[in-house]
Structure formats: structure tokens, C-alpha cells
Amino acid sequence: SGQVGSRIVKELSERGHQVTAIARQPASIPNLPNVSVVEGDINDTQAFVETLAGHDVVVSAVKFAQVAPATLIEAVKDSGVARYL
């Protein structure tokens, strides 16, 4: 929902990808074609893992000053998603 994440979501939407945008404040995600918005927070690790499960790719714009990289990487691994950018 920040500057980088918003641009990534917009680009993916414009290219026709199905996107699940995960944000602590879902209302901050613009209404775009092919975009589903889900409330989520990496600090609630188990719920976050469950939200990621079943997706093809995780593209993250999380600031590593806010979350330790290892926390996010482990959540992606635990979710079973094979690709993480």
C-alpha cells in the first residue's frame, strides 16, 4: 500500500495478472482490475502464512526496517509458495 507496493500492484494489474494485495490497511489499496485485497500483517505470522498459501509468487514491498528479512522469508517458505521476489 506504500509507494513501491502500489506501483507493483498497478503494473501487475495492467499486465493482466491476478493479484492478491495484502495490507494492514486494505482501504489504502486502490480498486484495480484483477486485484483482490486482503487484510494481513507479517507480525501475525501464522495468519500471514495462511494468506500466502496457494499463490504462485510472493512479490514483497515490505520495508526491512519494519520486519526482519528472515521473518518474511520463513513465512514464504512455510506457506509453500515456491517463488519470492
PDB file of N, CA and C in Angstrom:
ATOM      1  N   SER A   1       0.817  -1.208   0.000  1.00  0.00           N
ATOM      2  CA  SER A   1       0.000   0.000   0.000  1.00  0.00           C
ATOM      3  C   SER A   1       0.855   1.264   0.000  1.00  0.00           C
ATOM      4  N   GLY A   2       2.166   1.092   0.111  1.00  0.00           N
ATOM      5  CA  GLY A   2       3.057   2.252   0.054  1.00  0.00           C
ATOM      6  C   GLY A   2       3.373   2.605  -1.382  1.00  0.00           C
ATOM      7  N   GLN A   3       4.353   3.444  -1.567  1.00  0.00           N
ATOM      8  CA  GLN A   3       4.685   3.899  -2.921  1.00  0.00           C
ATOM      9  C   GLN A   3       5.136   2.755  -3.822  1.00  0.00           C
ATOM     10  N   VAL A   4       6.053   1.943  -3.347  1.00  0.00           N
ATOM     11  CA  VAL A   4       6.566   0.842  -4.171  1.00  0.00           C
ATOM     12  C   VAL A   4       5.496  -0.225  -4.375  1.00  0.00           C
ATOM     13  N   GLY A   5       4.860  -0.661  -3.295  1.00  0.00           N
ATOM     14  CA  GLY A   5       3.830  -1.689  -3.396  1.00  0.00           C
ATOM     15  C   GLY A   5       2.690  -1.282  -4.311  1.00  0.00           C
ATOM     16  N   SER A   6       2.265  -0.032  -4.206  1.00  0.00           N
ATOM     17  CA  SER A   6       1.176   0.452  -5.063  1.00  0.00           C
ATOM     18  C   SER A   6       1.560   0.404  -6.534  1.00  0.00           C
ATOM     19  N   ARG A   7       2.787   0.736  -6.824  1.00  0.00           N
ATOM     20  CA  ARG A   7       3.251   0.695  -8.216  1.00  0.00           C
ATOM     21  C   ARG A   7       3.352  -0.736  -8.728  1.00  0.00           C
ATOM     22  N   ILE A   8       3.806  -1.635  -7.883  1.00  0.00           N
ATOM     23  CA  ILE A   8       3.896  -3.043  -8.280  1.00  0.00           C
ATOM     24  C   ILE A   8       2.504  -3.600  -8.565  1.00  0.00           C
ATOM     25  N   VAL A   9       1.552  -3.333  -7.680  1.00  0.00           N
ATOM     26  CA  VAL A   9       0.187  -3.820  -7.863  1.00  0.00           C
ATOM     27  C   VAL A   9      -0.415  -3.254  -9.143  1.00  0.00           C
ATOM     28  N   LYS A  10      -0.222  -1.977  -9.390  1.00  0.00           N
ATOM     29  CA  LYS A  10      -0.757  -1.342 -10.599  1.00  0.00           C
ATOM     30  C   LYS A  10      -0.170  -1.986 -11.855  1.00  0.00           C
ATOM     31  N   GLU A  11       1.130  -2.191 -11.861  1.00  0.00           N
ATOM     32  CA  GLU A  11       1.798  -2.793 -13.025  1.00  0.00           C
ATOM     33  C   GLU A  11       1.300  -4.218 -13.270  1.00  0.00           C
ATOM     34  N   LEU A  12       1.212  -5.013 -12.220  1.00  0.00           N
ATOM     35  CA  LEU A  12       0.733  -6.388 -12.366  1.00  0.00           C
ATOM     36  C   LEU A  12      -0.708  -6.421 -12.855  1.00  0.00           C
ATOM     37  N   SER A  13      -1.527  -5.522 -12.335  1.00  0.00           N
ATOM     38  CA  SER A  13      -2.922  -5.424 -12.768  1.00  0.00           C
ATOM     39  C   SER A  13      -3.003  -5.068 -14.247  1.00  0.00           C
ATOM     40  N   GLU A  14      -2.223  -4.092 -14.668  1.00  0.00           N
ATOM     41  CA  GLU A  14      -2.231  -3.658 -16.068  1.00  0.00           C
ATOM     42  C   GLU A  14      -1.769  -4.766 -17.009  1.00  0.00           C
ATOM     43  N   ARG A  15      -0.917  -5.661 -16.514  1.00  0.00           N
ATOM     44  CA  ARG A  15      -0.429  -6.779 -17.333  1.00  0.00           C
ATOM     45  C   ARG A  15      -1.372  -7.975 -17.300  1.00  0.00           C
ATOM     46  N   GLY A  16      -2.480  -7.846 -16.573  1.00  0.00           N
ATOM     47  CA  GLY A  16      -3.498  -8.886 -16.557  1.00  0.00           C
ATOM     48  C   GLY A  16      -3.298  -9.989 -15.544  1.00  0.00           C
ATOM     49  N   HIS A  17      -2.358  -9.820 -14.617  1.00  0.00           N
ATOM     50  CA  HIS A  17      -2.127 -10.840 -13.590  1.00  0.00           C
ATOM     51  C   HIS A  17      -3.218 -10.773 -12.524  1.00  0.00           C
ATOM     52  N   GLN A  18      -3.539 -11.920 -11.948  1.00  0.00           N
ATOM     53  CA  GLN A  18      -4.411 -11.970 -10.784  1.00  0.00           C
ATOM     54  C   GLN A  18      -3.548 -11.646  -9.570  1.00  0.00           C
ATOM     55  N   VAL A  19      -3.937 -10.653  -8.801  1.00  0.00           N
ATOM     56  CA  VAL A  19      -3.121 -10.160  -7.694  1.00  0.00           C
ATOM     57  C   VAL A  19      -3.922 -10.214  -6.401  1.00  0.00           C
ATOM     58  N   THR A  20      -3.275 -10.694  -5.351  1.00  0.00           N
ATOM     59  CA  THR A  20      -3.818 -10.563  -4.001  1.00  0.00           C
ATOM     60  C   THR A  20      -2.941  -9.551  -3.295  1.00  0.00           C
ATOM     61  N   ALA A  21      -3.484  -8.387  -3.023  1.00  0.00           N
ATOM     62  CA  ALA A  21      -2.741  -7.333  -2.322  1.00  0.00           C
ATOM     63  C   ALA A  21      -3.011  -7.486  -0.832  1.00  0.00           C
ATOM     64  N   ILE A  22      -1.958  -7.677  -0.065  1.00  0.00           N
ATOM     65  CA  ILE A  22      -2.082  -7.865   1.376  1.00  0.00           C
ATOM     66  C   ILE A  22      -1.600  -6.598   2.057  1.00  0.00           C
ATOM     67  N   ALA A  23      -2.453  -6.023   2.909  1.00  0.00           N
ATOM     68  CA  ALA A  23      -2.092  -4.779   3.577  1.00  0.00           C
ATOM     69  C   ALA A  23      -2.716  -4.731   4.968  1.00  0.00           C
ATOM     70  N   ARG A  24      -2.033  -4.056   5.861  1.00  0.00           N
ATOM     71  CA  ARG A  24      -2.603  -3.857   7.194  1.00  0.00           C
ATOM     72  C   ARG A  24      -3.835  -2.972   7.117  1.00  0.00           C
ATOM     73  N   GLN A  25      -3.832  -2.060   6.156  1.00  0.00           N
ATOM     74  CA  GLN A  25      -4.967  -1.159   5.956  1.00  0.00           C
ATOM     75  C   GLN A  25      -5.500  -1.346   4.534  1.00  0.00           C
ATOM     76  N   PRO A  26      -6.376  -2.326   4.333  1.00  0.00           N
ATOM     77  CA  PRO A  26      -6.852  -2.653   2.991  1.00  0.00           C
ATOM     78  C   PRO A  26      -7.482  -1.473   2.242  1.00  0.00           C
ATOM     79  N   ALA A  27      -8.067  -0.543   2.959  1.00  0.00           N
ATOM     80  CA  ALA A  27      -8.706   0.603   2.308  1.00  0.00           C
ATOM     81  C   ALA A  27      -7.697   1.453   1.539  1.00  0.00           C
ATOM     82  N   SER A  28      -6.417   1.291   1.840  1.00  0.00           N
ATOM     83  CA  SER A  28      -5.394   2.087   1.157  1.00  0.00           C
ATOM     84  C   SER A  28      -5.000   1.506  -0.201  1.00  0.00           C
ATOM     85  N   ILE A  29      -5.520   0.328  -0.546  1.00  0.00           N
ATOM     86  CA  ILE A  29      -5.235  -0.291  -1.838  1.00  0.00           C
ATOM     87  C   ILE A  29      -6.272   0.202  -2.845  1.00  0.00           C
ATOM     88  N   PRO A  30      -5.832   0.743  -3.976  1.00  0.00           N
ATOM     89  CA  PRO A  30      -6.797   1.220  -4.969  1.00  0.00           C
ATOM     90  C   PRO A  30      -7.583   0.073  -5.607  1.00  0.00           C
ATOM     91  N   ASN A  31      -8.781   0.371  -6.037  1.00  0.00           N
ATOM     92  CA  ASN A  31      -9.633  -0.603  -6.710  1.00  0.00           C
ATOM     93  C   ASN A  31      -9.144  -0.747  -8.150  1.00  0.00           C
ATOM     94  N   LEU A  32      -8.525  -1.880  -8.452  1.00  0.00           N
ATOM     95  CA  LEU A  32      -7.959  -2.132  -9.781  1.00  0.00           C
ATOM     96  C   LEU A  32      -8.466  -3.465 -10.316  1.00  0.00           C
ATOM     97  N   PRO A  33      -8.507  -3.616 -11.650  1.00  0.00           N
ATOM     98  CA  PRO A  33      -8.914  -4.897 -12.228  1.00  0.00           C
ATOM     99  C   PRO A  33      -7.965  -6.025 -11.794  1.00  0.00           C
ATOM    100  N   ASN A  34      -8.509  -7.186 -11.559  1.00  0.00           N
ATOM    101  CA  ASN A  34      -7.740  -8.395 -11.216  1.00  0.00           C
ATOM    102  C   ASN A  34      -7.068  -8.334  -9.854  1.00  0.00           C
ATOM    103  N   VAL A  35      -7.454  -7.387  -9.009  1.00  0.00           N
ATOM    104  CA  VAL A  35      -6.814  -7.241  -7.699  1.00  0.00           C
ATOM    105  C   VAL A  35      -7.823  -7.530  -6.591  1.00  0.00           C
ATOM    106  N   SER A  36      -7.488  -8.517  -5.760  1.00  0.00           N
ATOM    107  CA  SER A  36      -8.241  -8.808  -4.542  1.00  0.00           C
ATOM    108  C   SER A  36      -7.445  -8.247  -3.381  1.00  0.00           C
ATOM    109  N   VAL A  37      -8.119  -7.662  -2.431  1.00  0.00           N
ATOM    110  CA  VAL A  37      -7.436  -7.053  -1.288  1.00  0.00           C
ATOM    111  C   VAL A  37      -7.750  -7.863  -0.037  1.00  0.00           C
ATOM    112  N   VAL A  38      -6.691  -8.177   0.714  1.00  0.00           N
ATOM    113  CA  VAL A  38      -6.818  -8.956   1.939  1.00  0.00           C
ATOM    114  C   VAL A  38      -6.102  -8.209   3.061  1.00  0.00           C
ATOM    115  N   GLU A  39      -6.741  -8.144   4.214  1.00  0.00           N
ATOM    116  CA  GLU A  39      -6.077  -7.555   5.377  1.00  0.00           C
ATOM    117  C   GLU A  39      -5.089  -8.566   5.925  1.00  0.00           C
ATOM    118  N   GLY A  40      -3.868  -8.127   6.179  1.00  0.00           N
ATOM    119  CA  GLY A  40      -2.859  -9.022   6.714  1.00  0.00           C
ATOM    120  C   GLY A  40      -1.699  -8.256   7.307  1.00  0.00           C
ATOM    121  N   ASP A  41      -0.980  -8.922   8.184  1.00  0.00           N
ATOM    122  CA  ASP A  41       0.157  -8.302   8.864  1.00  0.00           C
ATOM    123  C   ASP A  41       1.207  -9.389   9.106  1.00  0.00           C
ATOM    124  N   ILE A  42       2.421  -9.164   8.632  1.00  0.00           N
ATOM    125  CA  ILE A  42       3.503 -10.129   8.805  1.00  0.00           C
ATOM    126  C   ILE A  42       3.771 -10.427  10.277  1.00  0.00           C
ATOM    127  N   ASN A  43       3.405  -9.515  11.153  1.00  0.00           N
ATOM    128  CA  ASN A  43       3.624  -9.737  12.583  1.00  0.00           C
ATOM    129  C   ASN A  43       2.675 -10.783  13.165  1.00  0.00           C
ATOM    130  N   ASP A  44       1.610 -11.111  12.442  1.00  0.00           N
ATOM    131  CA  ASP A  44       0.732 -12.224  12.792  1.00  0.00           C
ATOM    132  C   ASP A  44       1.137 -13.369  11.860  1.00  0.00           C
ATOM    133  N   THR A  45       2.266 -13.983  12.171  1.00  0.00           N
ATOM    134  CA  THR A  45       2.941 -14.890  11.253  1.00  0.00           C
ATOM    135  C   THR A  45       2.061 -16.025  10.755  1.00  0.00           C
ATOM    136  N   GLN A  46       1.347 -16.713  11.631  1.00  0.00           N
ATOM    137  CA  GLN A  46       0.554 -17.862  11.201  1.00  0.00           C
ATOM    138  C   GLN A  46      -0.545 -17.441  10.238  1.00  0.00           C
ATOM    139  N   ALA A  47      -1.248 -16.374  10.535  1.00  0.00           N
ATOM    140  CA  ALA A  47      -2.300 -15.888   9.641  1.00  0.00           C
ATOM    141  C   ALA A  47      -1.699 -15.442   8.312  1.00  0.00           C
ATOM    142  N   PHE A  48      -0.524 -14.838   8.366  1.00  0.00           N
ATOM    143  CA  PHE A  48       0.147 -14.388   7.149  1.00  0.00           C
ATOM    144  C   PHE A  48       0.526 -15.576   6.276  1.00  0.00           C
ATOM    145  N   VAL A  49       1.063 -16.622   6.878  1.00  0.00           N
ATOM    146  CA  VAL A  49       1.421 -17.850   6.148  1.00  0.00           C
ATOM    147  C   VAL A  49       0.180 -18.421   5.472  1.00  0.00           C
ATOM    148  N   GLU A  50      -0.926 -18.473   6.177  1.00  0.00           N
ATOM    149  CA  GLU A  50      -2.168 -19.000   5.616  1.00  0.00           C
ATOM    150  C   GLU A  50      -2.660 -18.140   4.451  1.00  0.00           C
ATOM    151  N   THR A  51      -2.485 -16.831   4.541  1.00  0.00           N
ATOM    152  CA  THR A  51      -2.891 -15.927   3.461  1.00  0.00           C
ATOM    153  C   THR A  51      -2.042 -16.157   2.214  1.00  0.00           C
ATOM    154  N   LEU A  52      -0.752 -16.420   2.390  1.00  0.00           N
ATOM    155  CA  LEU A  52       0.145 -16.638   1.251  1.00  0.00           C
ATOM    156  C   LEU A  52      -0.079 -17.984   0.569  1.00  0.00           C
ATOM    157  N   ALA A  53      -0.472 -18.980   1.329  1.00  0.00           N
ATOM    158  CA  ALA A  53      -0.606 -20.343   0.807  1.00  0.00           C
ATOM    159  C   ALA A  53      -1.497 -20.373  -0.433  1.00  0.00           C
ATOM    160  N   GLY A  54      -1.055 -21.137  -1.429  1.00  0.00           N
ATOM    161  CA  GLY A  54      -1.833 -21.325  -2.637  1.00  0.00           C
ATOM    162  C   GLY A  54      -1.507 -20.356  -3.760  1.00  0.00           C
ATOM    163  N   HIS A  55      -0.656 -19.379  -3.489  1.00  0.00           N
ATOM    164  CA  HIS A  55      -0.269 -18.422  -4.528  1.00  0.00           C
ATOM    165  C   HIS A  55       0.943 -18.943  -5.301  1.00  0.00           C
ATOM    166  N   ASP A  56       1.123 -18.434  -6.506  1.00  0.00           N
ATOM    167  CA  ASP A  56       2.251 -18.843  -7.343  1.00  0.00           C
ATOM    168  C   ASP A  56       3.539 -18.117  -6.988  1.00  0.00           C
ATOM    169  N   VAL A  57       3.410 -16.847  -6.620  1.00  0.00           N
ATOM    170  CA  VAL A  57       4.576 -15.991  -6.375  1.00  0.00           C
ATOM    171  C   VAL A  57       4.235 -15.015  -5.257  1.00  0.00           C
ATOM    172  N   VAL A  58       5.217 -14.689  -4.446  1.00  0.00           N
ATOM    173  CA  VAL A  58       5.090 -13.589  -3.490  1.00  0.00           C
ATOM    174  C   VAL A  58       6.031 -12.488  -3.951  1.00  0.00           C
ATOM    175  N   VAL A  59       5.473 -11.309  -4.177  1.00  0.00           N
ATOM    176  CA  VAL A  59       6.265 -10.129  -4.508  1.00  0.00           C
ATOM    177  C   VAL A  59       6.122  -9.192  -3.327  1.00  0.00           C
ATOM    178  N   SER A  60       7.214  -8.917  -2.662  1.00  0.00           N
ATOM    179  CA  SER A  60       7.156  -8.137  -1.435  1.00  0.00           C
ATOM    180  C   SER A  60       7.704  -6.729  -1.622  1.00  0.00           C
ATOM    181  N   ALA A  61       7.016  -5.793  -0.991  1.00  0.00           N
ATOM    182  CA  ALA A  61       7.499  -4.413  -0.919  1.00  0.00           C
ATOM    183  C   ALA A  61       7.611  -3.994   0.547  1.00  0.00           C
ATOM    184  N   VAL A  62       7.718  -4.988   1.430  1.00  0.00           N
ATOM    185  CA  VAL A  62       7.847  -4.721   2.865  1.00  0.00           C
ATOM    186  C   VAL A  62       9.191  -4.074   3.144  1.00  0.00           C
ATOM    187  N   LYS A  63       9.182  -3.038   3.955  1.00  0.00           N
ATOM    188  CA  LYS A  63      10.434  -2.377   4.349  1.00  0.00           C
ATOM    189  C   LYS A  63      11.122  -3.241   5.399  1.00  0.00           C
ATOM    190  N   PHE A  64      12.361  -3.618   5.115  1.00  0.00           N
ATOM    191  CA  PHE A  64      13.075  -4.466   6.064  1.00  0.00           C
ATOM    192  C   PHE A  64      13.453  -3.730   7.337  1.00  0.00           C
ATOM    193  N   ALA A  65      13.262  -2.443   7.391  1.00  0.00           N
ATOM    194  CA  ALA A  65      13.443  -1.710   8.646  1.00  0.00           C
ATOM    195  C   ALA A  65      12.277  -2.008   9.588  1.00  0.00           C
ATOM    196  N   GLN A  66      11.140  -2.462   9.019  1.00  0.00           N
ATOM    197  CA  GLN A  66       9.954  -2.755   9.818  1.00  0.00           C
ATOM    198  C   GLN A  66       9.834  -4.231  10.182  1.00  0.00           C
ATOM    199  N   VAL A  67      10.412  -5.095   9.347  1.00  0.00           N
ATOM    200  CA  VAL A  67      10.320  -6.544   9.557  1.00  0.00           C
ATOM    201  C   VAL A  67      11.662  -7.161   9.206  1.00  0.00           C
ATOM    202  N   ALA A  68      12.132  -8.048  10.040  1.00  0.00           N
ATOM    203  CA  ALA A  68      13.389  -8.733   9.745  1.00  0.00           C
ATOM    204  C   ALA A  68      13.219  -9.575   8.486  1.00  0.00           C
ATOM    205  N   PRO A  69      14.158  -9.493   7.549  1.00  0.00           N
ATOM    206  CA  PRO A  69      14.049 -10.275   6.309  1.00  0.00           C
ATOM    207  C   PRO A  69      13.805 -11.761   6.568  1.00  0.00           C
ATOM    208  N   ALA A  70      14.466 -12.312   7.554  1.00  0.00           N
ATOM    209  CA  ALA A  70      14.319 -13.743   7.840  1.00  0.00           C
ATOM    210  C   ALA A  70      12.880 -14.096   8.210  1.00  0.00           C
ATOM    211  N   THR A  71      12.183 -13.204   8.874  1.00  0.00           N
ATOM    212  CA  THR A  71      10.791 -13.448   9.251  1.00  0.00           C
ATOM    213  C   THR A  71       9.920 -13.601   8.012  1.00  0.00           C
ATOM    214  N   LEU A  72      10.094 -12.703   7.061  1.00  0.00           N
ATOM    215  CA  LEU A  72       9.310 -12.757   5.832  1.00  0.00           C
ATOM    216  C   LEU A  72       9.693 -13.966   4.983  1.00  0.00           C
ATOM    217  N   ILE A  73      10.971 -14.226   4.859  1.00  0.00           N
ATOM    218  CA  ILE A  73      11.440 -15.364   4.066  1.00  0.00           C
ATOM    219  C   ILE A  73      10.913 -16.675   4.640  1.00  0.00           C
ATOM    220  N   GLU A  74      10.966 -16.826   5.942  1.00  0.00           N
ATOM    221  CA  GLU A  74      10.453 -18.049   6.581  1.00  0.00           C
ATOM    222  C   GLU A  74       8.945 -18.184   6.377  1.00  0.00           C
ATOM    223  N   ALA A  75       8.213 -17.079   6.443  1.00  0.00           N
ATOM    224  CA  ALA A  75       6.764 -17.137   6.216  1.00  0.00           C
ATOM    225  C   ALA A  75       6.468 -17.618   4.806  1.00  0.00           C
ATOM    226  N   VAL A  76       7.210 -17.129   3.837  1.00  0.00           N
ATOM    227  CA  VAL A  76       7.010 -17.566   2.454  1.00  0.00           C
ATOM    228  C   VAL A  76       7.329 -19.057   2.330  1.00  0.00           C
ATOM    229  N   LYS A  77       8.432 -19.491   2.894  1.00  0.00           N
ATOM    230  CA  LYS A  77       8.784 -20.920   2.850  1.00  0.00           C
ATOM    231  C   LYS A  77       7.697 -21.768   3.499  1.00  0.00           C
ATOM    232  N   ASP A  78       7.236 -21.343   4.677  1.00  0.00           N
ATOM    233  CA  ASP A  78       6.220 -22.096   5.401  1.00  0.00           C
ATOM    234  C   ASP A  78       4.892 -22.157   4.646  1.00  0.00           C
ATOM    235  N   SER A  79       4.636 -21.170   3.808  1.00  0.00           N
ATOM    236  CA  SER A  79       3.379 -21.135   3.055  1.00  0.00           C
ATOM    237  C   SER A  79       3.390 -22.103   1.878  1.00  0.00           C
ATOM    238  N   GLY A  80       4.577 -22.537   1.462  1.00  0.00           N
ATOM    239  CA  GLY A  80       4.686 -23.429   0.328  1.00  0.00           C
ATOM    240  C   GLY A  80       4.785 -22.719  -1.010  1.00  0.00           C
ATOM    241  N   VAL A  81       4.824 -21.395  -1.018  1.00  0.00           N
ATOM    242  CA  VAL A  81       4.980 -20.649  -2.267  1.00  0.00           C
ATOM    243  C   VAL A  81       6.415 -20.808  -2.717  1.00  0.00           C
ATOM    244  N   ALA A  82       6.593 -21.187  -3.976  1.00  0.00           N
ATOM    245  CA  ALA A  82       7.932 -21.534  -4.476  1.00  0.00           C
ATOM    246  C   ALA A  82       8.780 -20.330  -4.902  1.00  0.00           C
ATOM    247  N   ARG A  83       8.129 -19.219  -5.239  1.00  0.00           N
ATOM    248  CA  ARG A  83       8.913 -18.075  -5.751  1.00  0.00           C
ATOM    249  C   ARG A  83       8.648 -16.839  -4.895  1.00  0.00           C
ATOM    250  N   TYR A  84       9.727 -16.148  -4.555  1.00  0.00           N
ATOM    251  CA  TYR A  84       9.666 -14.949  -3.720  1.00  0.00           C
ATOM    252  C   TYR A  84      10.562 -13.876  -4.318  1.00  0.00           C
ATOM    253  N   LEU A  85       9.987 -12.728  -4.554  1.00  0.00           N
ATOM    254  CA  LEU A  85      10.756 -11.578  -5.070  1.00  0.00           C
ATOM    255  C   LEU A  85      10.671 -10.458  -4.072  1.00  0.00           C
TER     256      LEU A  85
END
